[in-house]
Amino acid sequence: MYKYIFDEETGGLLLTDVDAQFSKEPRPIYAAEMNILGFDRRWIYDDQNDVPYLWAESGNYFYRGKKIAVVKGGSLYEAPQLEFVEVDGVNGLPQGETLLPIDLRAMSAKNFELLENLRQSTIKRIYGYWRRNRTRLDCFHVAFSGGKDSVVLLDLVKQALPKTSFIVVFGDTRMEFPDTYTVVDAVEKQCKAEGIGFYRAASALDPEESWKLFGPPSTVLRWCCSVHKAAPQTLKIREILGKTNFVGADFVGVRGDESKRRSEYDVENVGKKQRGQYSVNPILEWGAAEIWLYIFMFGLPINECYKKGNGRAGCLMCPMTSGRSVFFRRDAYPAEVDRFTKYIADNVVDENIDSYIANGGWVNRKNGRDLKSPVTNYSEKISAGYLYITVADPKTDWREWIKTIGEPDFPYEVNVLEDKSVVAKVSAVYDKTPAMKTFKSIFHKTAACVGCGVCESNCRQGAISFKDGLHIEKKNAFTAWSATI
């Protein structure tokens, strides 16, 4: 990652040959965002969104190297406040000035040499990884999201590898920004024209259904990524290859500067993203400056969500997003965002639900206590020296789940009552033991499993199937059990 400066001549960014310790994640600013915030109250500019005018670093806005405004505050229903930097001889810009668009051609020319070095070294990294692993892995795939980083990553992989040596998989959560699908459609069409396999993977669960079943996702309970993205992609690749126990590698467009957690990632890893699978992050060390310069230099598609004030593409109601970011999302896609706020209101009990939603109370949820429909069909009690586990209205068959642990080391009996309730009886002396913890988990799954696909995708031997109801192959029971924990 190169250190960058603002270039007064072009209005763009200028890379230097100095390595940066961290990036301020600059992003180009278009008229659409400027109009939302009120830049048109102070300066003159054409209302076009083909070429950006400014750059932003967090809440600071720069025009040709000068800091001209700052935004503060903002929430789901409250717009951030724009404060103009007063003219002091160094910073600021006089009122009434006409703002010029960034000279993208000149900016690209100035950055060509350093960006070309970065491009070539990244291509070599991708090719080297593929060459080292091509004979021992079943497939290579690009995890495509429709965001700026995955657009750049896909372009680099295309240049590094033979077109038939990898596939592209879009994990469609069906909760994406509407503009993301425009990019996905265009990239899919281009890939097919080039002979590159492009596939879409989605969960069998509709988002409305999953939000009702699991409650709103939160920073701690991030079921959304596993249920609606990771698991469907794995199951789709199995379908493509016709092989349940495949071992593959995915090229992922994560960057270390996006978050503290991602800064600790390795370029190559095994099993961190999906059990038993390889992963490589070729642009981990790229900064946002290089990403945007690359997009402009090579004319890659830009997700329109960025032009509307959104710093990142992804799910519309992501629990990892807050502040002015959620305001820009709702301003750009009010009907779509309100659909998810309704899911929260419909499934959460709170005396002041409007405040709970607006202030992000849902993102801090740590359990099912606040849900209108928590899992209540599982219960335990000890009576006369026995532990009784009762599952009313079981969602799946306990006899399938028991295959994953084999025969417990203690005697037990299970009865099915007339109302279909399942009651397990075990001597209470085994309660609180590790073996009993495992035994109880079988009945937790019996009570609550809805076939979301996560266990199925984690079981590399394909022992778990929900195709025609839950079925577990006993011969692969150990791998099935490993997939459920």
Protein backbone atom coordinates (compact mmCIF):
# COMPACT_ATOMS: atom_id res chain seq x y z
CA MET A 1 0.00 0.00 0.00
CA TYR A 2 1.39 3.34 -1.10
CA LYS A 3 1.05 6.60 0.75
CA TYR A 4 -1.03 9.10 -1.22
CA ILE A 5 -1.49 12.85 -1.32
CA PHE A 6 -4.17 15.05 -2.86
CA ASP A 7 -3.20 16.42 -6.25
CA GLU A 8 -4.29 20.03 -6.74
CA GLU A 9 -3.67 19.94 -10.49
CA THR A 10 -5.96 17.02 -11.36
CA GLY A 11 -8.24 17.15 -8.32
CA GLY A 12 -7.40 13.48 -7.78
CA LEU A 13 -5.08 11.35 -5.71
CA LEU A 14 -1.36 10.96 -6.28
CA LEU A 15 0.47 7.88 -5.06
CA THR A 16 3.98 8.25 -3.67
CA ASP A 17 6.72 5.64 -3.52
CA VAL A 18 6.51 5.67 0.28
CA ASP A 19 4.88 2.69 1.98
CA ALA A 20 1.92 3.75 4.13
CA GLN A 21 1.40 2.31 7.61
CA PHE A 22 -2.35 2.76 7.32
CA SER A 23 -4.90 4.26 4.95
CA LYS A 24 -7.55 6.86 5.65
CA GLU A 25 -9.77 5.05 3.13
CA PRO A 26 -10.41 7.91 0.68
CA ARG A 27 -13.47 7.72 -1.52
CA PRO A 28 -14.62 9.80 -4.50
CA ILE A 29 -17.58 12.11 -3.97
CA TYR A 30 -20.21 12.66 -6.65
CA ALA A 31 -22.91 15.27 -7.12
CA ALA A 32 -25.60 12.93 -5.76
CA GLU A 33 -24.00 12.85 -2.30
CA MET A 34 -23.13 16.54 -2.46
CA ASN A 35 -26.76 17.41 -3.14
CA ILE A 36 -27.95 15.30 -0.22
CA LEU A 37 -25.61 17.10 2.18
CA GLY A 38 -26.15 20.62 0.80
CA PHE A 39 -22.93 21.48 -1.02
CA ASP A 40 -25.11 23.21 -3.62
CA ARG A 41 -25.96 25.88 -1.03
CA ARG A 42 -22.42 27.18 -1.19
CA TRP A 43 -20.81 26.22 -4.50
CA ILE A 44 -21.69 25.77 -8.16
CA TYR A 45 -21.25 22.46 -9.97
CA ASP A 46 -22.93 20.51 -12.73
CA ASP A 47 -25.47 17.99 -11.47
CA GLN A 48 -23.79 14.99 -13.11
CA ASN A 49 -22.65 11.67 -11.63
CA ASP A 50 -20.29 10.43 -14.30
CA VAL A 51 -17.19 12.03 -12.77
CA PRO A 52 -16.56 12.84 -9.09
CA TYR A 53 -15.71 16.31 -7.77
CA LEU A 54 -14.25 15.71 -4.34
CA TRP A 55 -12.59 13.16 -2.09
CA ALA A 56 -13.60 12.27 1.44
CA GLU A 57 -11.64 10.78 4.30
CA SER A 58 -14.15 9.68 6.90
CA GLY A 59 -16.26 12.82 7.51
CA ASN A 60 -13.78 15.27 5.93
CA TYR A 61 -14.31 16.52 2.36
CA PHE A 62 -11.47 17.77 0.15
CA TYR A 63 -11.48 19.73 -3.10
CA ARG A 64 -8.16 19.82 -4.99
CA GLY A 65 -6.16 19.33 -1.82
CA LYS A 66 -8.16 21.73 0.36
CA LYS A 67 -10.38 20.66 3.19
CA ILE A 68 -13.66 22.45 2.52
CA ALA A 69 -16.27 20.74 4.70
CA VAL A 70 -16.93 18.30 7.53
CA VAL A 71 -20.00 16.22 8.32
CA LYS A 72 -21.01 15.27 11.84
CA GLY A 73 -23.68 13.08 13.34
CA GLY A 74 -26.38 11.31 11.42
CA SER A 75 -28.48 8.21 12.07
CA LEU A 76 -31.11 6.13 10.34
CA TYR A 77 -33.70 8.94 10.25
CA GLU A 78 -31.48 11.96 10.89
CA ALA A 79 -29.29 13.54 8.23
CA PRO A 80 -25.67 14.34 9.11
CA GLN A 81 -24.89 18.02 9.52
CA LEU A 82 -22.58 19.69 7.01
CA GLU A 83 -20.17 22.30 8.34
CA PHE A 84 -18.16 24.41 5.90
CA VAL A 85 -14.51 25.17 6.60
CA GLU A 86 -14.02 28.91 6.74
CA VAL A 87 -11.44 30.56 4.49
CA ASP A 88 -8.28 31.21 6.49
CA GLY A 89 -5.67 31.63 3.83
CA VAL A 90 -4.74 27.94 3.79
CA ASN A 91 -7.87 25.85 3.90
CA GLY A 92 -11.38 26.46 2.74
CA LEU A 93 -12.93 27.64 -0.52
CA PRO A 94 -14.77 30.92 -1.14
CA GLN A 95 -18.53 30.75 -1.52
CA GLY A 96 -19.82 30.86 -5.10
CA GLU A 97 -16.82 29.11 -6.63
CA THR A 98 -17.45 26.71 -9.52
CA LEU A 99 -16.24 23.22 -8.71
CA LEU A 100 -14.44 21.32 -11.46
CA PRO A 101 -14.70 17.55 -11.87
CA ILE A 102 -11.62 15.44 -11.23
CA ASP A 103 -9.49 15.01 -14.34
CA LEU A 104 -9.57 11.20 -14.34
CA ARG A 105 -7.42 10.82 -17.44
CA ALA A 106 -4.62 13.03 -16.10
CA MET A 107 -4.86 11.44 -12.64
CA SER A 108 -4.50 7.97 -14.15
CA ALA A 109 -1.50 9.02 -16.20
CA LYS A 110 0.28 10.41 -13.15
CA ASN A 111 -0.24 7.22 -11.19
CA PHE A 112 0.39 4.73 -13.98
CA GLU A 113 3.90 3.59 -13.05
CA LEU A 114 3.29 2.85 -9.36
CA LEU A 115 -0.13 1.32 -9.96
CA GLU A 116 1.26 -0.83 -12.76
CA ASN A 117 3.94 -2.17 -10.40
CA LEU A 118 1.24 -3.03 -7.87
CA ARG A 119 -0.92 -4.64 -10.55
CA GLN A 120 1.90 -6.82 -11.85
CA SER A 121 3.00 -7.96 -8.40
CA THR A 122 -0.57 -8.87 -7.44
CA ILE A 123 -1.08 -10.79 -10.67
CA LYS A 124 2.11 -12.74 -9.95
CA ARG A 125 0.85 -13.49 -6.44
CA ILE A 126 -2.44 -14.84 -7.78
CA TYR A 127 -0.77 -16.90 -10.48
CA GLY A 128 1.83 -18.25 -8.06
CA TYR A 129 -0.84 -19.38 -5.62
CA TRP A 130 -2.82 -21.09 -8.38
CA ARG A 131 0.26 -22.81 -9.81
CA ARG A 132 1.32 -24.14 -6.39
CA ASN A 133 -2.14 -25.54 -5.62
CA ARG A 134 -3.77 -26.39 -8.94
CA THR A 135 -2.96 -30.12 -8.83
CA ARG A 136 -4.22 -30.70 -5.28
CA LEU A 137 -7.35 -28.55 -5.12
CA ASP A 138 -10.64 -29.29 -6.83
CA CYS A 139 -11.50 -25.73 -7.80
CA PHE A 140 -10.69 -22.05 -7.52
CA HIS A 141 -13.41 -19.45 -7.28
CA VAL A 142 -13.72 -15.70 -6.94
CA ALA A 143 -16.13 -14.62 -4.20
CA PHE A 144 -17.88 -11.75 -5.99
CA SER A 145 -19.97 -9.19 -4.09
CA GLY A 146 -20.55 -6.39 -6.59
CA GLY A 147 -18.53 -3.96 -4.50
CA LYS A 148 -15.43 -2.03 -5.55
CA ASP A 149 -12.93 -4.47 -4.06
CA SER A 150 -14.40 -7.58 -5.68
CA VAL A 151 -14.63 -5.79 -9.04
CA VAL A 152 -10.89 -5.08 -8.88
CA LEU A 153 -10.07 -8.57 -7.60
CA LEU A 154 -11.98 -10.26 -10.41
CA ASP A 155 -10.20 -8.14 -13.01
CA LEU A 156 -6.82 -9.15 -11.55
CA VAL A 157 -7.74 -12.86 -11.44
CA LYS A 158 -8.89 -12.67 -15.06
CA GLN A 159 -5.47 -11.36 -16.06
CA ALA A 160 -3.58 -13.88 -13.94
CA LEU A 161 -5.32 -17.18 -14.70
CA PRO A 162 -6.66 -19.15 -17.66
CA LYS A 163 -10.35 -18.39 -18.10
CA THR A 164 -11.39 -22.01 -17.53
CA SER A 165 -9.32 -22.46 -14.38
CA PHE A 166 -11.69 -20.65 -12.02
CA ILE A 167 -15.33 -19.76 -11.53
CA VAL A 168 -17.09 -16.72 -10.08
CA VAL A 169 -19.75 -17.09 -7.39
CA PHE A 170 -22.01 -14.26 -6.25
CA GLY A 171 -23.43 -14.94 -2.79
CA ASP A 172 -26.86 -13.38 -3.16
CA THR A 173 -28.20 -12.69 0.32
CA ARG A 174 -31.28 -11.08 -1.26
CA MET A 175 -30.57 -8.25 1.15
CA GLU A 176 -28.12 -6.40 -1.12
CA PHE A 177 -28.19 -2.80 -2.30
CA PRO A 178 -30.48 -2.63 -5.35
CA ASP A 179 -27.66 -1.06 -7.38
CA THR A 180 -25.47 -4.08 -6.63
CA TYR A 181 -27.61 -6.26 -8.87
CA THR A 182 -26.95 -3.93 -11.82
CA VAL A 183 -23.21 -4.54 -11.42
CA VAL A 184 -23.73 -8.27 -10.95
CA ASP A 185 -25.85 -8.50 -14.11
CA ALA A 186 -23.20 -6.67 -16.14
CA VAL A 187 -20.30 -8.72 -14.78
CA GLU A 188 -22.19 -11.98 -15.28
CA LYS A 189 -22.84 -11.08 -18.92
CA GLN A 190 -19.18 -10.19 -19.45
CA CYS A 191 -17.92 -13.38 -17.78
CA LYS A 192 -20.17 -15.56 -19.89
CA ALA A 193 -18.96 -13.78 -23.03
CA GLU A 194 -15.37 -14.55 -21.99
CA GLY A 195 -16.08 -18.20 -21.21
CA ILE A 196 -15.83 -17.79 -17.41
CA GLY A 197 -18.34 -19.67 -15.28
CA PHE A 198 -20.50 -17.25 -13.27
CA TYR A 199 -22.98 -18.53 -10.67
CA ARG A 200 -25.40 -17.11 -8.13
CA ALA A 201 -25.92 -18.77 -4.75
CA ALA A 202 -28.79 -18.03 -2.38
CA SER A 203 -30.22 -19.60 0.76
CA ALA A 204 -33.44 -21.60 0.59
CA LEU A 205 -34.69 -19.29 3.34
CA ASP A 206 -36.24 -15.99 2.36
CA PRO A 207 -34.78 -13.04 4.34
CA GLU A 208 -38.16 -12.25 5.89
CA GLU A 209 -38.42 -15.83 7.07
CA SER A 210 -34.90 -15.95 8.51
CA TRP A 211 -35.28 -12.60 10.35
CA LYS A 212 -38.41 -14.02 11.95
CA LEU A 213 -36.78 -17.35 12.83
CA PHE A 214 -33.49 -16.02 14.19
CA GLY A 215 -34.34 -12.44 15.07
CA PRO A 216 -32.45 -9.44 13.67
CA PRO A 217 -28.73 -10.14 13.13
CA SER A 218 -26.40 -8.32 15.51
CA THR A 219 -22.69 -7.71 15.98
CA VAL A 220 -22.57 -10.85 18.17
CA LEU A 221 -25.24 -12.96 16.46
CA ARG A 222 -24.17 -12.62 12.84
CA TRP A 223 -26.12 -15.57 11.49
CA CYS A 224 -26.75 -13.59 8.30
CA CYS A 225 -23.26 -14.19 6.84
CA SER A 226 -23.26 -17.94 7.43
CA VAL A 227 -26.90 -18.59 6.50
CA HIS A 228 -27.23 -16.28 3.51
CA LYS A 229 -23.70 -16.10 2.09
CA ALA A 230 -21.09 -18.68 3.13
CA ALA A 231 -23.30 -21.79 3.25
CA PRO A 232 -25.12 -21.15 -0.06
CA GLN A 233 -21.81 -20.57 -1.87
CA THR A 234 -20.37 -23.86 -0.59
CA LEU A 235 -23.52 -25.78 -1.52
CA LYS A 236 -23.55 -24.17 -4.99
CA ILE A 237 -19.94 -25.21 -5.65
CA ARG A 238 -20.79 -28.77 -4.59
CA GLU A 239 -23.62 -28.71 -7.09
CA ILE A 240 -21.34 -27.40 -9.84
CA LEU A 241 -18.60 -29.95 -9.18
CA GLY A 242 -20.92 -32.83 -8.33
CA LYS A 243 -18.68 -33.51 -5.36
CA THR A 244 -19.61 -33.09 -1.70
CA ASN A 245 -16.11 -33.40 -0.24
CA PHE A 246 -14.40 -30.96 -2.57
CA VAL A 247 -11.43 -28.94 -1.37
CA GLY A 248 -11.20 -25.56 -3.03
CA ALA A 249 -9.68 -22.13 -2.73
CA ASP A 250 -11.56 -18.88 -2.89
CA PHE A 251 -10.07 -15.56 -3.92
CA VAL A 252 -11.57 -12.91 -1.60
CA GLY A 253 -11.40 -9.15 -1.97
CA VAL A 254 -10.90 -8.21 1.67
CA ARG A 255 -8.45 -5.48 2.61
CA GLY A 256 -6.64 -4.95 5.90
CA ASP A 257 -7.55 -1.27 6.12
CA GLU A 258 -11.29 -1.95 6.16
CA SER A 259 -11.36 -2.89 9.86
CA LYS A 260 -9.15 -3.86 12.79
CA ARG A 261 -10.31 -7.47 12.49
CA ARG A 262 -9.39 -7.64 8.82
CA SER A 263 -6.00 -6.04 9.46
CA GLU A 264 -5.09 -9.23 11.31
CA TYR A 265 -5.91 -11.51 8.36
CA ASP A 266 -3.21 -13.49 6.54
CA VAL A 267 -2.87 -13.36 2.78
CA GLU A 268 -3.27 -17.16 2.68
CA ASN A 269 -5.13 -19.35 5.16
CA VAL A 270 -6.90 -22.67 5.54
CA GLY A 271 -10.25 -23.12 7.27
CA LYS A 272 -10.65 -19.51 8.46
CA LYS A 273 -13.51 -18.65 6.12
CA GLN A 274 -15.04 -22.12 5.61
CA ARG A 275 -14.09 -25.40 7.24
CA GLY A 276 -11.57 -27.40 5.26
CA GLN A 277 -11.36 -24.81 2.49
CA TYR A 278 -8.45 -22.66 1.37
CA SER A 279 -8.65 -18.91 1.04
CA VAL A 280 -6.38 -16.23 -0.38
CA ASN A 281 -6.69 -12.46 -0.07
CA PRO A 282 -4.59 -11.04 -2.93
CA ILE A 283 -5.46 -7.37 -2.33
CA LEU A 284 -5.23 -7.53 1.47
CA GLU A 285 -2.46 -4.92 1.48
CA TRP A 286 -4.10 -2.57 -1.02
CA GLY A 287 -5.52 0.72 0.21
CA ALA A 288 -8.74 2.37 -0.96
CA ALA A 289 -6.66 4.86 -2.95
CA GLU A 290 -5.20 2.09 -5.12
CA ILE A 291 -8.61 0.46 -5.52
CA TRP A 292 -10.28 3.62 -6.81
CA LEU A 293 -7.33 4.56 -9.02
CA TYR A 294 -7.40 1.08 -10.54
CA ILE A 295 -11.15 1.33 -11.24
CA PHE A 296 -10.79 4.70 -12.94
CA MET A 297 -7.66 3.72 -14.85
CA PHE A 298 -9.15 0.56 -16.33
CA GLY A 299 -12.76 1.70 -16.64
CA LEU A 300 -14.24 -0.96 -14.37
CA PRO A 301 -17.93 -0.83 -13.41
CA ILE A 302 -18.80 1.29 -10.36
CA ASN A 303 -21.64 0.35 -8.07
CA GLU A 304 -23.97 3.36 -8.07
CA CYS A 305 -24.45 3.00 -4.30
CA TYR A 306 -21.06 4.65 -3.79
CA LYS A 307 -22.22 7.75 -5.63
CA LYS A 308 -25.12 8.11 -3.19
CA GLY A 309 -22.93 8.48 -0.12
CA ASN A 310 -22.40 4.84 0.78
CA GLY A 311 -18.80 4.03 1.65
CA ARG A 312 -19.33 0.28 1.32
CA ALA A 313 -21.61 -2.05 -0.60
CA GLY A 314 -23.18 -5.04 1.10
CA CYS A 315 -26.39 -5.85 2.92
CA LEU A 316 -28.83 -2.98 3.33
CA MET A 317 -29.27 -3.46 7.08
CA CYS A 318 -25.88 -4.72 8.21
CA PRO A 319 -25.40 -4.77 12.01
CA MET A 320 -21.80 -3.66 11.48
CA THR A 321 -22.93 -0.31 10.04
CA SER A 322 -24.04 2.74 12.04
CA GLY A 323 -24.18 6.53 12.10
CA ARG A 324 -24.40 8.50 8.89
CA SER A 325 -23.81 5.35 6.84
CA VAL A 326 -27.28 4.05 7.65
CA PHE A 327 -28.76 7.45 6.81
CA PHE A 328 -27.27 7.34 3.31
CA ARG A 329 -28.60 3.82 2.84
CA ARG A 330 -32.14 4.78 3.74
CA ASP A 331 -31.95 8.02 1.75
CA ALA A 332 -30.94 6.06 -1.35
CA TYR A 333 -33.25 3.07 -0.87
CA PRO A 334 -36.07 4.06 1.52
CA ALA A 335 -38.59 1.37 0.57
CA GLU A 336 -36.01 -1.42 0.73
CA VAL A 337 -34.55 -0.30 4.08
CA ASP A 338 -38.01 0.20 5.59
CA ARG A 339 -38.78 -3.41 4.67
CA PHE A 340 -36.06 -4.52 7.09
CA THR A 341 -37.00 -2.06 9.82
CA LYS A 342 -40.47 -3.61 9.61
CA TYR A 343 -38.92 -7.04 10.11
CA ILE A 344 -37.34 -5.71 13.32
CA ALA A 345 -40.59 -4.16 14.53
CA ASP A 346 -42.55 -7.32 13.73
CA ASN A 347 -40.17 -9.62 15.62
CA VAL A 348 -38.87 -7.66 18.60
CA VAL A 349 -40.61 -6.68 21.83
CA ASP A 350 -39.62 -3.21 23.00
CA GLU A 351 -41.68 -0.44 24.61
CA ASN A 352 -40.11 2.16 22.33
CA ILE A 353 -39.54 0.20 19.14
CA ASP A 354 -38.96 3.33 17.02
CA SER A 355 -36.05 4.40 19.22
CA TYR A 356 -34.80 0.80 19.38
CA ILE A 357 -34.56 0.76 15.58
CA ALA A 358 -33.33 4.34 15.04
CA ASN A 359 -30.57 4.12 17.66
CA GLY A 360 -29.39 0.68 16.61
CA GLY A 361 -30.56 -1.23 19.68
CA TRP A 362 -31.04 -4.31 17.52
CA VAL A 363 -27.35 -4.48 16.59
CA ASN A 364 -26.43 -5.03 20.27
CA ARG A 365 -28.75 -8.00 20.75
CA LYS A 366 -26.96 -10.94 22.43
CA ASN A 367 -29.74 -13.49 22.89
CA GLY A 368 -33.39 -14.22 22.11
CA ARG A 369 -34.81 -12.47 25.16
CA ASP A 370 -36.36 -9.58 23.21
CA LEU A 371 -37.86 -11.69 20.44
CA LYS A 372 -41.61 -12.06 20.04
CA SER A 373 -41.22 -15.70 19.03
CA PRO A 374 -38.26 -17.14 20.96
CA VAL A 375 -37.55 -20.87 20.95
CA THR A 376 -39.71 -22.14 23.83
CA ASN A 377 -40.37 -25.72 22.80
CA TYR A 378 -37.28 -27.07 24.59
CA SER A 379 -37.33 -27.62 28.36
CA GLU A 380 -35.46 -29.56 31.06
CA LYS A 381 -36.42 -30.66 34.54
CA ILE A 382 -35.07 -33.03 37.19
CA SER A 383 -37.57 -35.20 39.05
CA ALA A 384 -37.13 -38.29 41.23
CA GLY A 385 -33.46 -38.60 40.25
CA TYR A 386 -34.02 -38.33 36.52
CA LEU A 387 -33.39 -35.58 33.99
CA TYR A 388 -36.26 -35.10 31.57
CA ILE A 389 -35.65 -33.29 28.29
CA THR A 390 -38.88 -32.35 26.53
CA VAL A 391 -39.23 -31.06 22.98
CA ALA A 392 -42.73 -29.93 22.10
CA ASP A 393 -43.51 -29.51 18.41
CA PRO A 394 -40.12 -30.87 17.20
CA LYS A 395 -38.84 -29.33 13.98
CA THR A 396 -36.67 -32.33 13.01
CA ASP A 397 -36.31 -36.00 13.91
CA TRP A 398 -34.10 -36.70 16.96
CA ARG A 399 -33.34 -40.14 15.56
CA GLU A 400 -31.41 -38.50 12.70
CA TRP A 401 -29.42 -36.16 14.94
CA ILE A 402 -28.48 -38.97 17.36
CA LYS A 403 -26.54 -40.59 14.52
CA THR A 404 -23.97 -37.79 14.78
CA ILE A 405 -22.84 -38.84 18.27
CA GLY A 406 -23.35 -42.58 18.19
CA GLU A 407 -24.46 -44.33 21.37
CA PRO A 408 -23.94 -42.19 24.53
CA ASP A 409 -21.89 -43.64 27.40
CA PHE A 410 -24.96 -43.70 29.64
CA PRO A 411 -28.38 -45.37 29.40
CA TYR A 412 -31.31 -43.30 28.19
CA GLU A 413 -34.79 -43.71 26.81
CA VAL A 414 -36.79 -41.51 24.44
CA ASN A 415 -40.55 -41.55 24.08
CA VAL A 416 -42.81 -39.81 21.59
CA LEU A 417 -46.13 -38.75 23.12
CA GLU A 418 -49.51 -38.58 21.41
CA ASP A 419 -49.09 -34.85 20.77
CA LYS A 420 -45.77 -35.64 18.99
CA SER A 421 -43.69 -34.24 21.86
CA VAL A 422 -40.34 -35.97 22.37
CA VAL A 423 -39.27 -36.76 25.93
CA ALA A 424 -35.79 -38.05 26.77
CA LYS A 425 -35.15 -39.59 30.20
CA VAL A 426 -31.63 -39.91 31.67
CA SER A 427 -30.30 -40.44 35.19
CA ALA A 428 -29.66 -37.03 36.74
CA VAL A 429 -26.18 -38.09 37.88
CA TYR A 430 -24.97 -37.50 34.32
CA ASP A 431 -26.23 -33.92 34.22
CA LYS A 432 -23.51 -31.26 33.82
CA THR A 433 -21.08 -33.75 32.26
CA PRO A 434 -19.46 -33.11 28.87
CA ALA A 435 -21.22 -36.14 27.43
CA MET A 436 -24.60 -34.81 28.59
CA LYS A 437 -23.88 -31.43 27.02
CA THR A 438 -23.43 -33.21 23.71
CA PHE A 439 -26.57 -35.28 24.29
CA LYS A 440 -28.64 -32.18 25.03
CA SER A 441 -27.45 -30.49 21.84
CA ILE A 442 -29.17 -33.24 19.87
CA PHE A 443 -32.52 -32.20 21.31
CA HIS A 444 -31.79 -28.49 20.94
CA LYS A 445 -31.42 -29.17 17.23
CA THR A 446 -34.55 -31.31 17.26
CA ALA A 447 -36.42 -28.36 18.74
CA ALA A 448 -35.05 -25.52 16.65
CA CYS A 449 -33.41 -26.68 13.39
CA VAL A 450 -35.02 -25.08 10.34
CA GLY A 451 -32.65 -26.46 7.71
CA CYS A 452 -30.74 -23.23 7.13
CA GLY A 453 -27.95 -25.17 5.39
CA VAL A 454 -25.01 -24.18 7.59
CA CYS A 455 -24.50 -27.67 9.08
CA GLU A 456 -24.97 -29.18 5.64
CA SER A 457 -22.30 -26.94 4.13
CA ASN A 458 -19.85 -27.53 6.99
CA CYS A 459 -20.08 -31.31 6.66
CA ARG A 460 -17.46 -32.03 4.01
CA GLN A 461 -18.54 -35.63 3.47
CA GLY A 462 -22.07 -34.64 2.58
CA ALA A 463 -23.50 -36.70 5.44
CA ILE A 464 -26.21 -34.12 6.20
CA SER A 465 -28.97 -33.48 3.70
CA PHE A 466 -32.21 -31.49 3.84
CA LYS A 467 -33.31 -32.26 0.31
CA ASP A 468 -36.33 -34.32 1.39
CA GLY A 469 -36.34 -33.52 5.07
CA LEU A 470 -33.40 -34.11 7.41
CA HIS A 471 -31.33 -37.19 6.61
CA ILE A 472 -27.93 -38.07 8.08
CA GLU A 473 -25.76 -40.91 6.82
CA LYS A 474 -24.63 -42.92 9.82
CA LYS A 475 -21.42 -44.07 8.15
CA ASN A 476 -20.28 -40.43 8.05
CA ALA A 477 -21.74 -39.54 11.44
CA PHE A 478 -18.49 -38.12 12.83
CA THR A 479 -18.15 -35.56 10.04
CA ALA A 480 -21.82 -34.70 10.45
CA TRP A 481 -21.34 -34.08 14.15
CA SER A 482 -18.26 -31.93 13.48
CA ALA A 483 -20.36 -29.84 11.14
CA THR A 484 -22.96 -29.11 13.79
CA ILE A 485 -20.70 -27.74 16.51
